[in-house]
Protein backbone atom coordinates (compact mmCIF):
# COMPACT_ATOMS: atom_id res chain seq x y z
CA MET A 1 52.85 -37.31 -59.97
CA ARG A 2 51.75 -35.07 -62.84
CA GLN A 3 49.48 -37.78 -64.20
CA HIS A 4 47.83 -38.11 -60.82
CA HIS A 5 46.92 -34.39 -60.70
CA PHE A 6 45.54 -34.52 -64.20
CA GLU A 7 43.25 -37.42 -63.39
CA SER A 8 41.97 -35.64 -60.29
CA PHE A 9 41.09 -32.56 -62.31
CA GLU A 10 39.32 -34.61 -64.90
CA SER A 11 37.17 -36.38 -62.31
CA GLU A 12 36.05 -33.07 -60.81
CA SER A 13 35.10 -31.67 -64.17
CA ASN A 14 32.64 -34.53 -64.67
CA PHE A 15 30.41 -33.38 -61.65
CA ASN A 16 26.77 -32.72 -62.71
CA ILE A 17 24.66 -30.54 -60.35
CA LYS A 18 21.42 -31.65 -62.01
CA ASP A 19 22.15 -35.29 -61.19
CA ALA A 20 22.93 -34.28 -57.60
CA LEU A 21 19.63 -32.36 -57.06
CA MET A 22 17.35 -34.68 -58.99
CA PRO A 23 16.56 -36.95 -55.97
CA TYR A 24 15.34 -33.88 -54.07
CA PHE A 25 13.23 -32.66 -56.98
CA ARG A 26 11.55 -36.03 -57.12
CA ALA A 27 10.54 -35.66 -53.42
CA TRP A 28 9.18 -32.07 -53.68
CA PRO A 29 5.54 -33.18 -53.20
CA LEU A 30 6.53 -34.73 -49.89
CA PHE A 31 8.17 -31.45 -48.80
CA MET A 32 5.08 -29.46 -49.74
CA ILE A 33 2.83 -31.88 -47.88
CA SER A 34 5.06 -31.60 -44.77
CA VAL A 35 4.96 -27.79 -44.87
CA ALA A 36 1.19 -27.76 -45.33
CA LEU A 37 0.71 -30.28 -42.51
CA ALA A 38 2.92 -28.25 -40.12
CA TRP A 39 1.06 -25.04 -41.00
CA SER A 40 -2.31 -26.75 -40.44
CA ILE A 41 -1.27 -28.14 -37.07
CA ALA A 42 -0.01 -24.71 -35.96
CA TYR A 43 -3.23 -23.06 -37.15
CA LEU A 44 -5.46 -25.58 -35.36
CA TYR A 45 -3.38 -25.23 -32.20
CA LEU A 46 -3.43 -21.44 -32.14
CA LYS A 47 -6.99 -20.83 -33.35
CA PRO A 48 -8.77 -21.72 -30.07
CA LYS A 49 -6.21 -19.78 -28.03
CA SER A 50 -7.43 -16.47 -26.65
CA SER A 51 -5.45 -13.31 -27.30
CA VAL A 52 -3.64 -11.77 -24.34
CA TYR A 53 -3.33 -7.98 -24.10
CA GLN A 54 -1.20 -5.85 -21.82
CA SER A 55 -1.98 -2.38 -20.45
CA GLU A 56 0.50 -0.10 -18.69
CA ALA A 57 0.18 2.84 -16.32
CA LEU A 58 2.94 5.11 -15.00
CA VAL A 59 2.77 6.50 -11.45
CA LEU A 60 4.96 9.33 -10.15
CA VAL A 61 6.15 8.66 -6.61
CA ARG A 62 6.42 11.87 -4.63
CA ASP A 63 9.32 11.99 -2.19
CA ASP A 64 8.32 14.00 0.89
CA LYS A 65 11.86 14.14 2.21
CA GLY A 66 13.31 17.63 2.05
CA GLY A 67 16.98 18.43 1.67
CA GLY A 68 17.18 20.05 5.11
CA GLU A 69 15.74 17.27 7.16
CA PHE A 70 18.44 17.41 9.88
CA ALA A 71 20.70 15.05 7.92
CA SER A 72 18.44 12.11 8.81
CA VAL A 73 20.31 9.69 6.59
CA ASP A 74 23.56 10.29 8.49
CA LEU A 75 21.77 9.91 11.81
CA PHE A 76 20.28 6.51 10.96
CA GLU A 77 23.49 5.27 9.36
CA ASP A 78 25.20 5.98 12.71
CA LEU A 79 22.59 3.73 14.32
CA GLY A 80 23.37 0.97 11.83
CA ILE A 81 20.00 1.34 10.09
CA VAL A 82 19.96 1.33 6.32
CA VAL A 83 17.57 4.05 5.16
CA PRO A 84 16.70 3.98 1.44
CA LYS A 85 17.21 7.20 -0.51
CA SER A 86 13.79 6.85 -2.10
CA ASN A 87 10.55 5.16 -1.17
CA ILE A 88 10.00 3.71 -4.65
CA HIS A 89 10.71 0.17 -3.44
CA ASN A 90 8.18 0.56 -0.62
CA GLU A 91 5.56 1.85 -3.05
CA ILE A 92 6.16 -1.16 -5.33
CA GLN A 93 5.49 -3.48 -2.39
CA ALA A 94 2.40 -1.46 -1.45
CA PHE A 95 0.92 -1.78 -4.96
CA GLN A 96 1.32 -5.57 -4.71
CA SER A 97 -0.13 -5.89 -1.20
CA ASN A 98 -2.92 -8.38 -0.65
CA LYS A 99 -5.22 -5.80 0.95
CA LEU A 100 -4.96 -3.47 -2.03
CA LEU A 101 -5.66 -6.26 -4.54
CA LYS A 102 -8.69 -7.41 -2.53
CA ASN A 103 -10.07 -3.88 -2.57
CA VAL A 104 -9.67 -3.83 -6.36
CA ALA A 105 -11.51 -7.17 -6.65
CA ARG A 106 -14.37 -5.85 -4.50
CA GLU A 107 -14.69 -2.61 -6.43
CA LEU A 108 -14.79 -4.29 -9.85
CA ASN A 109 -16.76 -7.38 -8.70
CA LEU A 110 -14.15 -9.74 -10.15
CA GLN A 111 -15.30 -12.71 -8.09
CA GLU A 112 -18.00 -13.61 -10.64
CA LYS A 113 -16.79 -14.25 -14.19
CA CYS A 114 -18.75 -15.31 -17.29
CA VAL A 115 -17.30 -17.35 -20.17
CA ARG A 116 -18.86 -18.70 -23.37
CA LEU A 117 -17.65 -22.23 -24.15
CA ASN A 118 -17.30 -22.97 -27.86
CA ALA A 119 -16.18 -25.98 -29.89
CA TRP A 120 -12.59 -27.14 -29.49
CA TYR A 121 -11.56 -25.34 -32.66
CA GLN A 122 -13.07 -22.01 -31.55
CA LYS A 123 -11.90 -19.46 -29.00
CA LYS A 124 -13.51 -19.17 -25.60
CA ILE A 125 -15.11 -15.78 -25.06
CA ASN A 126 -14.33 -14.14 -21.70
CA TYR A 127 -16.84 -11.43 -20.89
CA TYR A 128 -16.28 -8.33 -18.77
CA GLY A 129 -18.70 -5.54 -17.95
CA ASP A 130 -21.91 -6.40 -19.82
CA VAL A 131 -22.26 -10.20 -19.57
CA PRO A 132 -24.90 -12.47 -21.16
CA VAL A 133 -25.80 -14.35 -17.94
CA PHE A 134 -25.22 -13.55 -14.28
CA THR A 135 -26.36 -14.54 -10.77
CA ASN A 136 -27.98 -12.48 -8.02
CA ILE A 137 -25.45 -13.61 -5.37
CA THR A 138 -24.51 -10.53 -3.33
CA PRO A 139 -20.90 -9.34 -2.87
CA ASP A 140 -21.12 -10.14 0.87
CA LEU A 141 -21.88 -13.80 0.13
CA LEU A 142 -19.18 -13.95 -2.53
CA GLU A 143 -16.65 -12.54 -0.06
CA ALA A 144 -17.39 -15.43 2.32
CA LEU A 145 -17.09 -18.04 -0.47
CA PRO A 146 -14.88 -20.89 0.84
CA HIS A 147 -13.83 -22.29 -2.56
CA SER A 148 -14.43 -21.87 -6.29
CA ILE A 149 -17.72 -23.03 -7.84
CA SER A 150 -18.63 -23.24 -11.53
CA TYR A 151 -22.11 -23.32 -13.08
CA GLU A 152 -22.39 -24.63 -16.65
CA ILE A 153 -25.46 -23.31 -18.49
CA THR A 154 -26.53 -25.18 -21.64
CA MET A 155 -29.26 -23.33 -23.50
CA ILE A 156 -32.39 -25.29 -24.50
CA ASN A 157 -34.16 -22.26 -25.90
CA ALA A 158 -34.23 -18.52 -25.22
CA THR A 159 -35.76 -18.97 -21.74
CA GLU A 160 -34.80 -22.48 -20.53
CA PHE A 161 -31.46 -24.06 -19.80
CA ASP A 162 -29.83 -27.12 -18.22
CA LEU A 163 -27.58 -26.37 -15.26
CA LYS A 164 -24.56 -28.24 -13.89
CA GLU A 165 -22.60 -27.39 -10.76
CA SER A 166 -18.92 -28.32 -10.30
CA PHE A 167 -16.41 -27.77 -7.51
CA LEU A 168 -13.49 -29.37 -5.72
CA LYS A 169 -14.07 -31.45 -2.59
CA ASN A 170 -10.92 -32.58 -0.75
CA GLY A 171 -9.01 -32.13 -4.00
CA THR A 172 -11.46 -34.29 -5.99
CA PRO A 173 -13.53 -32.62 -8.75
CA ILE A 174 -17.26 -33.02 -8.17
CA GLU A 175 -19.86 -32.36 -10.86
CA ARG A 176 -23.62 -32.68 -10.50
CA ALA A 177 -26.62 -31.82 -12.61
CA LEU A 178 -29.06 -29.46 -10.89
CA GLY A 179 -31.83 -29.75 -13.49
CA THR A 180 -33.63 -27.57 -16.01
CA PHE A 181 -34.50 -24.01 -15.07
CA THR A 182 -35.78 -20.76 -16.52
CA PHE A 183 -34.19 -17.35 -16.10
CA GLY A 184 -35.21 -15.81 -12.78
CA GLN A 185 -36.23 -19.15 -11.22
CA GLU A 186 -34.80 -19.90 -7.76
CA ILE A 187 -31.98 -22.48 -7.76
CA GLN A 188 -30.68 -24.31 -4.70
CA GLY A 189 -26.92 -24.58 -5.13
CA LEU A 190 -24.24 -26.13 -2.96
CA LEU A 191 -23.98 -23.09 -0.68
CA TYR A 192 -26.69 -20.60 -1.63
CA ALA A 193 -30.15 -20.29 -3.09
CA PHE A 194 -29.91 -17.97 -6.09
CA ASN A 195 -31.25 -17.30 -9.57
CA ILE A 196 -29.69 -16.68 -12.96
CA SER A 197 -30.69 -13.75 -15.17
CA LYS A 198 -29.83 -12.83 -18.75
CA SER A 199 -28.83 -9.53 -20.33
CA ASN A 200 -31.15 -7.40 -22.46
CA ASN A 201 -28.32 -6.79 -24.91
CA PRO A 202 -29.54 -8.02 -28.35
CA LEU A 203 -25.98 -8.94 -29.35
CA PHE A 204 -25.93 -11.89 -26.97
CA LYS A 205 -27.28 -15.20 -28.25
CA TYR A 206 -29.34 -17.78 -26.38
CA ALA A 207 -29.95 -20.35 -29.08
CA LYS A 208 -30.11 -24.07 -28.37
CA GLY A 209 -26.75 -25.68 -27.64
CA ILE A 210 -24.93 -22.48 -26.63
CA VAL A 211 -22.98 -23.07 -23.41
CA TYR A 212 -22.12 -20.38 -20.87
CA LEU A 213 -19.99 -20.86 -17.75
CA ILE A 214 -20.30 -18.76 -14.58
CA ASN A 215 -17.25 -19.04 -12.31
CA LEU A 216 -17.41 -17.90 -8.68
CA HIS A 217 -14.07 -17.46 -6.91
CA PRO A 218 -13.08 -16.64 -3.29
CA LEU A 219 -11.62 -13.20 -2.67
CA ASP A 220 -8.19 -14.61 -1.76
CA GLY A 221 -8.08 -16.54 -5.03
CA ILE A 222 -8.89 -13.44 -7.08
CA ALA A 223 -6.19 -11.48 -5.21
CA LYS A 224 -3.63 -14.16 -6.14
CA GLN A 225 -4.75 -14.09 -9.77
CA LEU A 226 -4.38 -10.31 -9.85
CA LYS A 227 -0.92 -10.56 -8.32
CA ASN A 228 0.10 -12.91 -11.14
CA ARG A 229 -1.42 -10.63 -13.78
CA ILE A 230 0.06 -7.38 -12.45
CA SER A 231 3.75 -6.50 -12.55
CA VAL A 232 5.09 -3.42 -10.75
CA THR A 233 8.62 -2.23 -11.52
CA SER A 234 10.69 0.93 -11.42
CA PHE A 235 10.44 2.73 -14.77
CA SER A 236 14.13 3.66 -14.66
CA LYS A 237 16.91 4.19 -12.13
CA GLU A 238 17.07 7.91 -12.84
CA THR A 239 13.38 8.71 -12.20
CA SER A 240 10.86 8.32 -9.38
CA ILE A 241 8.30 6.67 -11.65
CA ILE A 242 6.69 3.25 -11.21
CA SER A 243 5.52 1.19 -14.18
CA ILE A 244 2.40 -0.92 -13.53
CA LYS A 245 1.44 -3.47 -16.17
CA CYS A 246 -1.64 -5.70 -16.30
CA SER A 247 -2.08 -8.65 -18.67
CA GLY A 248 -5.41 -10.21 -19.59
CA GLN A 249 -7.83 -11.16 -22.35
CA SER A 250 -9.81 -7.90 -22.14
CA ILE A 251 -8.28 -4.48 -22.74
CA GLN A 252 -11.18 -2.82 -20.91
CA GLU A 253 -10.68 -5.07 -17.86
CA ASN A 254 -6.92 -4.41 -17.82
CA ASN A 255 -7.46 -0.64 -17.93
CA GLU A 256 -10.12 -0.68 -15.20
CA ILE A 257 -7.94 -2.87 -12.96
CA LEU A 258 -5.05 -0.40 -13.28
CA SER A 259 -7.33 2.58 -12.62
CA SER A 260 -8.87 0.87 -9.58
CA LEU A 261 -5.44 -0.15 -8.27
CA ILE A 262 -4.23 3.46 -8.36
CA ARG A 263 -7.48 4.73 -6.77
CA GLN A 264 -7.35 2.18 -3.96
CA HIS A 265 -3.68 2.92 -3.29
CA GLU A 266 -4.43 6.64 -3.02
CA LYS A 267 -7.37 5.86 -0.72
CA LEU A 268 -5.16 3.76 1.59
CA MET A 269 -2.58 6.56 1.74
CA ILE A 270 -5.30 9.04 2.73
CA GLU A 271 -6.57 6.63 5.41
CA SER A 272 -3.04 6.24 6.81
CA LYS A 273 -2.55 10.01 7.04
CA THR A 274 -6.00 10.39 8.60
CA LEU A 275 -5.12 7.76 11.20
CA MET A 276 -1.89 9.60 11.99
CA ALA A 277 -3.77 12.88 12.38
CA LYS A 278 -6.37 11.17 14.59
CA ASN A 279 -3.70 9.71 16.92
CA THR A 280 -2.01 13.09 17.13
CA SER A 281 -5.34 14.76 17.92
CA ASN A 282 -6.09 12.22 20.66
CA PHE A 283 -2.66 12.78 22.18
CA ILE A 284 -3.11 16.56 22.16
CA ASN A 285 -6.62 16.33 23.60
CA GLY A 286 -5.27 14.17 26.40
CA ARG A 287 -2.78 16.89 27.24
CA MET A 288 -5.10 19.89 26.94
CA GLN A 289 -6.72 19.51 30.36
CA ILE A 290 -3.34 19.10 32.07
CA ILE A 291 -1.91 22.15 30.33
CA GLU A 292 -5.05 24.16 31.09
CA ASP A 293 -4.79 23.34 34.80
CA GLU A 294 -1.09 24.24 34.83
CA LEU A 295 -1.66 27.58 33.09
CA SER A 296 -4.55 28.41 35.41
CA GLY A 297 -2.34 27.76 38.46
CA VAL A 298 0.44 29.89 36.97
CA GLU A 299 -1.91 32.85 36.49
CA GLU A 300 -3.09 32.63 40.09
CA ILE A 301 0.51 32.50 41.33
CA GLY A 302 1.36 35.54 39.20
CA GLU A 303 -1.58 37.53 40.57
CA GLU A 304 -0.72 36.59 44.15
CA PHE A 305 2.93 37.56 43.60
CA LYS A 306 2.10 41.00 42.23
CA SER A 307 -0.50 41.75 44.94
CA LYS A 308 1.85 40.66 47.70
CA HIS A 309 4.71 42.91 46.60
CA GLY A 310 2.58 45.85 45.37
CA PHE A 311 4.45 46.42 42.11
CA PHE A 312 1.76 48.51 40.49
CA ASP A 313 3.24 52.04 41.05
CA LEU A 314 6.97 51.35 40.61
CA PRO A 315 9.14 53.54 38.37
CA ILE A 316 10.47 52.42 34.99
CA GLU A 317 13.46 50.57 36.48
CA ALA A 318 11.15 48.45 38.60
CA SER A 319 8.98 47.73 35.54
CA THR A 320 12.07 46.61 33.63
CA LEU A 321 13.12 44.24 36.41
CA LEU A 322 9.60 42.94 36.72
CA GLY A 323 9.45 42.34 32.95
CA LYS A 324 12.65 40.36 33.09
CA SER A 325 11.40 38.38 36.07
CA ASP A 326 8.09 37.62 34.31
CA ALA A 327 9.95 36.52 31.16
CA LEU A 328 12.03 34.14 33.27
CA GLU A 329 8.90 32.78 34.94
CA ARG A 330 7.29 32.16 31.54
CA GLN A 331 10.44 30.43 30.34
CA ILE A 332 10.50 28.27 33.47
CA ILE A 333 6.84 27.37 32.87
CA ASP A 334 7.64 26.46 29.24
CA TYR A 335 10.47 24.25 30.41
CA ASN A 336 8.21 22.59 32.96
CA ILE A 337 5.58 21.97 30.28
CA GLN A 338 8.28 20.47 28.05
CA GLN A 339 9.30 18.22 30.94
CA GLU A 340 5.72 17.05 31.43
CA MET A 341 5.40 16.39 27.69
CA VAL A 342 8.64 14.37 27.75
CA ALA A 343 7.35 12.25 30.62
CA TYR A 344 3.95 11.80 28.98
CA PHE A 345 5.48 10.94 25.61
CA SER A 346 7.99 8.53 27.20
CA ASN A 347 5.15 6.65 28.91
CA HIS A 348 3.27 6.58 25.60
CA ILE A 349 6.29 5.06 23.83
CA ASN A 350 6.84 2.45 26.56
CA GLU A 351 3.21 1.37 26.23
CA LYS A 352 3.56 0.94 22.44
CA ARG A 353 6.89 -0.95 22.41
CA VAL A 354 5.21 -4.38 22.24
CA ASN A 355 2.81 -3.54 19.40
CA HIS A 356 3.98 -0.87 17.02
CA THR A 357 1.59 1.93 16.12
CA LEU A 358 1.73 5.48 14.78
CA LEU A 359 3.20 8.12 17.10
CA PRO A 360 1.70 11.60 17.50
CA VAL A 361 3.54 14.32 15.58
CA ASN A 362 3.86 18.13 15.84
CA ILE A 363 2.91 18.19 19.53
CA GLY A 364 5.19 21.07 20.46
CA PHE A 365 8.61 19.58 21.21
CA GLU A 366 11.35 22.17 20.71
CA ASP A 367 13.94 19.44 20.09
CA ASP A 368 14.38 18.89 16.33
CA ASN A 369 15.97 15.49 16.86
CA ILE A 370 12.90 14.13 18.65
CA ASN A 371 10.55 15.53 16.02
CA ALA A 372 12.63 14.06 13.20
CA LEU A 373 12.85 10.62 14.83
CA THR A 374 9.08 10.61 15.36
CA LYS A 375 8.47 11.52 11.72
CA LYS A 376 10.88 8.85 10.46
CA TYR A 377 9.29 6.21 12.74
CA ASN A 378 5.82 6.95 11.32
CA GLU A 379 7.08 6.77 7.71
CA ILE A 380 8.67 3.35 8.27
CA TYR A 381 5.62 2.15 10.24
CA LEU A 382 3.26 2.95 7.35
CA HIS A 383 5.34 0.81 5.00
CA PHE A 384 5.61 -1.91 7.68
CA ASN A 385 1.84 -1.88 8.13
CA GLU A 386 1.23 -2.24 4.37
CA LEU A 387 3.65 -5.20 4.19
CA THR A 388 2.14 -7.02 7.19
CA LEU A 389 -1.36 -6.59 5.74
CA GLY A 390 -0.26 -8.18 2.44
CA SER A 391 2.10 -10.90 3.74
CA SER A 392 3.15 -12.95 6.74
CA ALA A 393 4.73 -11.31 9.78
CA LYS A 394 7.74 -13.59 9.12
CA ASN A 395 8.39 -11.89 5.80
CA PRO A 396 12.11 -10.90 5.78
CA MET A 397 11.27 -7.32 4.80
CA SER A 398 8.65 -7.09 7.58
CA ILE A 399 11.21 -8.37 10.11
CA GLU A 400 13.78 -5.84 8.87
CA LEU A 401 11.31 -2.94 9.15
CA SER A 402 10.25 -4.15 12.64
CA ASN A 403 13.90 -4.12 13.75
CA GLN A 404 14.27 -0.60 12.34
CA LEU A 405 11.20 0.52 14.30
CA ASP A 406 12.63 -0.97 17.52
CA ALA A 407 15.95 0.80 16.94
CA ILE A 408 14.24 4.14 16.31
CA LEU A 409 12.12 3.75 19.47
CA GLU A 410 15.25 3.04 21.52
CA ASN A 411 17.03 6.05 20.06
CA LEU A 412 13.90 8.15 20.65
CA ARG A 413 13.82 7.02 24.28
CA LEU A 414 17.48 7.99 24.76
CA SER A 415 16.86 11.36 23.08
CA LEU A 416 13.94 12.02 25.44
CA ILE A 417 16.14 11.21 28.46
CA LYS A 418 18.86 13.55 27.18
CA TYR A 419 16.33 16.28 26.45
CA ALA A 420 14.76 15.92 29.93
CA SER A 421 18.22 16.27 31.51
CA SER A 422 18.96 19.43 29.53
CA LEU A 423 15.56 20.86 30.55
CA GLU A 424 16.30 20.19 34.23
CA LYS A 425 19.64 22.02 34.02
CA GLY A 426 17.99 24.90 32.16
CA ILE A 427 15.31 25.23 34.84
CA GLN A 428 17.95 25.39 37.59
CA LEU A 429 19.81 28.20 35.81
CA LEU A 430 16.60 30.13 35.17
CA GLU A 431 15.51 29.79 38.80
CA GLN A 432 18.86 31.20 39.95
CA LYS A 433 18.40 34.24 37.69
CA SER A 434 14.82 34.62 38.87
CA GLN A 435 15.88 34.62 42.53
CA ARG A 436 18.46 37.34 41.77
CA TYR A 437 15.84 39.52 40.06
CA GLN A 438 13.38 38.98 42.93
CA GLY A 439 16.07 40.02 45.40
CA GLU A 440 16.63 43.25 43.47
CA LEU A 441 12.88 43.88 43.30
CA ALA A 442 12.59 43.38 47.07
CA LEU A 443 15.08 46.22 47.63
CA ILE A 444 13.17 48.72 45.49
CA PRO A 445 10.56 49.74 48.16
CA SER A 446 13.29 50.50 50.72
CA HIS A 447 15.16 52.57 48.12
CA GLU A 448 11.93 54.43 47.37
CA ARG A 449 11.36 55.21 51.07
CA SER A 450 14.91 56.42 51.37
CA LEU A 451 14.43 58.70 48.40
CA ARG A 452 11.24 60.22 49.90
CA GLU A 453 12.95 60.79 53.19
């Protein structure tokens, strides 16, 4: 056993690291060649790739809900409606709506893009803003474009070029040569007659063999591209800030897209508030003539009442009773006006139950519950309208908001019925008091005659 251990130790002591590594040293040229080849392949693969940049903008979402808003959250939770604590999620959906992205594309004229095509080992140059070549096709024609069209311009000299037109027909790529043209010459394309012009910028080159590509895209296609390029997320759970990021090959284009997106969103919000104010104004104007006729009739009744009873020379006690009676009459008139407004508003709601629309606000209801329900309905409708403009009506979120709107309308209808009932009871009580005061006033002349006698 001892001899065995000794032999094992002796065999290990004869190990030579140089002999073990020598085969690898002999193959070092092959390793170096492999590394150089891998580096070259990576370089050739990445060299023609265009750089992608990302820009970010932060937007503060203002929450218009005050702390004393009649405990609206509790009210809607009783109805089984989930009301979010913040409208950040709705604003995120609004920034990604199709309508908003189309407005951005129109403002920045993103439907026409210019690219310089280089050799396979060189990067393509995507131009934005000042471009070397461009068409005179108007934005109205571009907006009606049914599908994408590309025009390949191969320079012959500084003024002449060969032109090819390519597009998809029934899913099959079609390419055709249109001929040789000069800048400014009319060209008959697949859909339009147009011409191509060049920039006066001396930095652009028009030497022989240089190839430019003009891509024309439909508005819907550009909106989809923007939706893929733009990401909208909540900046953090603790803040009411939205992070909007845009990726692309031009920093200037990314920044202008973000600026335009924020401008167009603000413009849509202003339009929504203007529409709400307009509907409210129309509702009030529709009521003005009715209220004016009612007030005119009340004044005539008051004048007739005073003339009939001759209350002009009564003592102070009679004036006090008359003041109380007049106050009751005014209160009865106010209640009657409220009743008419309830009936008018109920009819307005019943007419709008099939197709949702904004409801008039601040029209004089003395019931806080009705005012709050109306305000909440309009807030949810604005978000519902933005979603339906940017997506299908079968969108799950659109369906959920539509169900919420229906539930609020039903609750609003029940609140109006309850309010009308309370007004009717109030009018009956006020009329009883008014009759008692009138009875006391009727006795004053006889008391005055008795006093004279």
